Amino acid sequence: MVSLKTKILSSLKEGNEVSARQFAARNKTTVATIGARVSELRRDGFAIYNNKHTDSQGRTVNKYRLGTPSRAVVGAGYAALSA
């Protein structure tokens, strides 16, 4: 059985932008569980961003996407490791 973290990561690696609610519905779990797994993936070093999208009816949805960290973030990480 594939873990929830693996499912989230593989979906994001495919280039999908998915909300926590969509992940929860697909995997029969809660939104809070999705947020916790995304936090774990971030601690594991994956650059997962949360972007706000507004649809044509004015509803705002937060969607996760996998991105590339900026030079400043990478530099801060190296500085923290050497301290």
C-alpha atoms as a PDB file:
ATOM      1  CA  MET A   1       0.000   0.000   0.000  1.00  0.00           C
ATOM      2  CA  VAL A   2       1.321   3.420  -0.978  1.00  0.00           C
ATOM      3  CA  SER A   3       1.566   6.023   1.785  1.00  0.00           C
ATOM      4  CA  LEU A   4      -0.384   9.266   1.660  1.00  0.00           C
ATOM      5  CA  LYS A   5       2.859  11.273   1.520  1.00  0.00           C
ATOM      6  CA  THR A   6       3.936   9.308  -1.550  1.00  0.00           C
ATOM      7  CA  LYS A   7       0.589   9.886  -3.247  1.00  0.00           C
ATOM      8  CA  ILE A   8       0.756  13.624  -2.584  1.00  0.00           C
ATOM      9  CA  LEU A   9       4.350  13.898  -3.765  1.00  0.00           C
ATOM     10  CA  SER A  10       3.771  11.878  -6.945  1.00  0.00           C
ATOM     11  CA  SER A  11       0.741  13.998  -7.831  1.00  0.00           C
ATOM     12  CA  LEU A  12       2.718  17.200  -7.346  1.00  0.00           C
ATOM     13  CA  LYS A  13       5.684  15.834  -9.316  1.00  0.00           C
ATOM     14  CA  GLU A  14       3.320  15.239 -12.250  1.00  0.00           C
ATOM     15  CA  GLY A  15       2.784  19.000 -12.324  1.00  0.00           C
ATOM     16  CA  ASN A  16      -0.673  19.037 -10.768  1.00  0.00           C
ATOM     17  CA  GLU A  17      -1.876  21.914  -8.617  1.00  0.00           C
ATOM     18  CA  VAL A  18      -4.302  20.388  -6.142  1.00  0.00           C
ATOM     19  CA  SER A  19      -6.139  21.735  -3.103  1.00  0.00           C
ATOM     20  CA  ALA A  20      -6.132  19.979   0.250  1.00  0.00           C
ATOM     21  CA  ARG A  21      -9.846  19.326  -0.161  1.00  0.00           C
ATOM     22  CA  GLN A  22      -9.251  17.594  -3.515  1.00  0.00           C
ATOM     23  CA  PHE A  23      -6.503  15.408  -2.010  1.00  0.00           C
ATOM     24  CA  ALA A  24      -8.740  14.548   0.929  1.00  0.00           C
ATOM     25  CA  ALA A  25     -11.641  13.553  -1.317  1.00  0.00           C
ATOM     26  CA  ARG A  26      -9.439  11.374  -3.532  1.00  0.00           C
ATOM     27  CA  ASN A  27      -7.822   9.585  -0.594  1.00  0.00           C
ATOM     28  CA  LYS A  28     -10.778   9.410   1.814  1.00  0.00           C
ATOM     29  CA  THR A  29      -9.055  11.341   4.580  1.00  0.00           C
ATOM     30  CA  THR A  30      -9.362  14.743   6.260  1.00  0.00           C
ATOM     31  CA  VAL A  31      -8.028  18.092   5.108  1.00  0.00           C
ATOM     32  CA  ALA A  32      -6.021  18.399   8.339  1.00  0.00           C
ATOM     33  CA  THR A  33      -4.250  15.127   7.555  1.00  0.00           C
ATOM     34  CA  ILE A  34      -3.278  16.439   4.117  1.00  0.00           C
ATOM     35  CA  GLY A  35      -1.841  19.604   5.655  1.00  0.00           C
ATOM     36  CA  ALA A  36       0.204  17.553   8.108  1.00  0.00           C
ATOM     37  CA  ARG A  37       1.618  15.346   5.332  1.00  0.00           C
ATOM     38  CA  VAL A  38       2.510  18.407   3.226  1.00  0.00           C
ATOM     39  CA  SER A  39       4.319  19.874   6.243  1.00  0.00           C
ATOM     40  CA  GLU A  40       6.283  16.627   6.590  1.00  0.00           C
ATOM     41  CA  LEU A  41       7.226  16.758   2.911  1.00  0.00           C
ATOM     42  CA  ARG A  42       8.416  20.343   3.361  1.00  0.00           C
ATOM     43  CA  ARG A  43      10.574  19.278   6.316  1.00  0.00           C
ATOM     44  CA  ASP A  44      11.977  16.519   4.077  1.00  0.00           C
ATOM     45  CA  GLY A  45      13.235  19.258   1.743  1.00  0.00           C
ATOM     46  CA  PHE A  46      10.567  19.521  -0.957  1.00  0.00           C
ATOM     47  CA  ALA A  47       9.646  23.039  -2.074  1.00  0.00           C
ATOM     48  CA  ILE A  48       5.853  22.826  -1.874  1.00  0.00           C
ATOM     49  CA  TYR A  49       4.095  26.138  -2.316  1.00  0.00           C
ATOM     50  CA  ASN A  50       0.525  27.088  -1.449  1.00  0.00           C
ATOM     51  CA  ASN A  51      -0.959  29.422  -4.069  1.00  0.00           C
ATOM     52  CA  LYS A  52      -4.309  31.218  -3.899  1.00  0.00           C
ATOM     53  CA  HIS A  53      -6.615  30.906  -6.901  1.00  0.00           C
ATOM     54  CA  THR A  54      -9.849  32.816  -7.391  1.00  0.00           C
ATOM     55  CA  ASP A  55     -12.449  31.335  -9.712  1.00  0.00           C
ATOM     56  CA  SER A  56     -14.902  33.245 -11.916  1.00  0.00           C
ATOM     57  CA  GLN A  57     -17.474  33.346  -9.093  1.00  0.00           C
ATOM     58  CA  GLY A  58     -15.038  34.978  -6.668  1.00  0.00           C
ATOM     59  CA  ARG A  59     -14.329  31.920  -4.530  1.00  0.00           C
ATOM     60  CA  THR A  60     -10.754  31.627  -3.289  1.00  0.00           C
ATOM     61  CA  VAL A  61      -9.050  28.223  -3.153  1.00  0.00           C
ATOM     62  CA  ASN A  62      -5.547  27.416  -1.904  1.00  0.00           C
ATOM     63  CA  LYS A  63      -3.715  24.920  -4.095  1.00  0.00           C
ATOM     64  CA  TYR A  64      -0.420  23.135  -3.509  1.00  0.00           C
ATOM     65  CA  ARG A  65       2.264  22.930  -6.180  1.00  0.00           C
ATOM     66  CA  LEU A  66       5.825  21.675  -6.305  1.00  0.00           C
ATOM     67  CA  GLY A  67       8.313  24.361  -7.225  1.00  0.00           C
ATOM     68  CA  THR A  68      11.964  25.287  -7.222  1.00  0.00           C
ATOM     69  CA  PRO A  69      13.274  27.134  -4.165  1.00  0.00           C
ATOM     70  CA  SER A  70      14.831  30.548  -4.684  1.00  0.00           C
ATOM     71  CA  ARG A  71      18.548  31.151  -4.258  1.00  0.00           C
ATOM     72  CA  ALA A  72      17.843  33.015  -1.031  1.00  0.00           C
ATOM     73  CA  VAL A  73      16.060  30.020   0.473  1.00  0.00           C
ATOM     74  CA  VAL A  74      18.836  27.626  -0.533  1.00  0.00           C
ATOM     75  CA  GLY A  75      21.451  30.035   0.830  1.00  0.00           C
ATOM     76  CA  ALA A  76      19.580  30.340   4.125  1.00  0.00           C
ATOM     77  CA  GLY A  77      19.463  26.554   4.390  1.00  0.00           C
ATOM     78  CA  TYR A  78      23.199  26.224   3.908  1.00  0.00           C
ATOM     79  CA  ALA A  79      23.820  29.040   6.403  1.00  0.00           C
ATOM     80  CA  ALA A  80      21.617  27.280   8.967  1.00  0.00           C
ATOM     81  CA  LEU A  81      23.472  23.981   8.447  1.00  0.00           C
ATOM     82  CA  SER A  82      26.884  25.575   8.927  1.00  0.00           C
ATOM     83  CA  ALA A  83      25.856  27.425  12.118  1.00  0.00           C
END
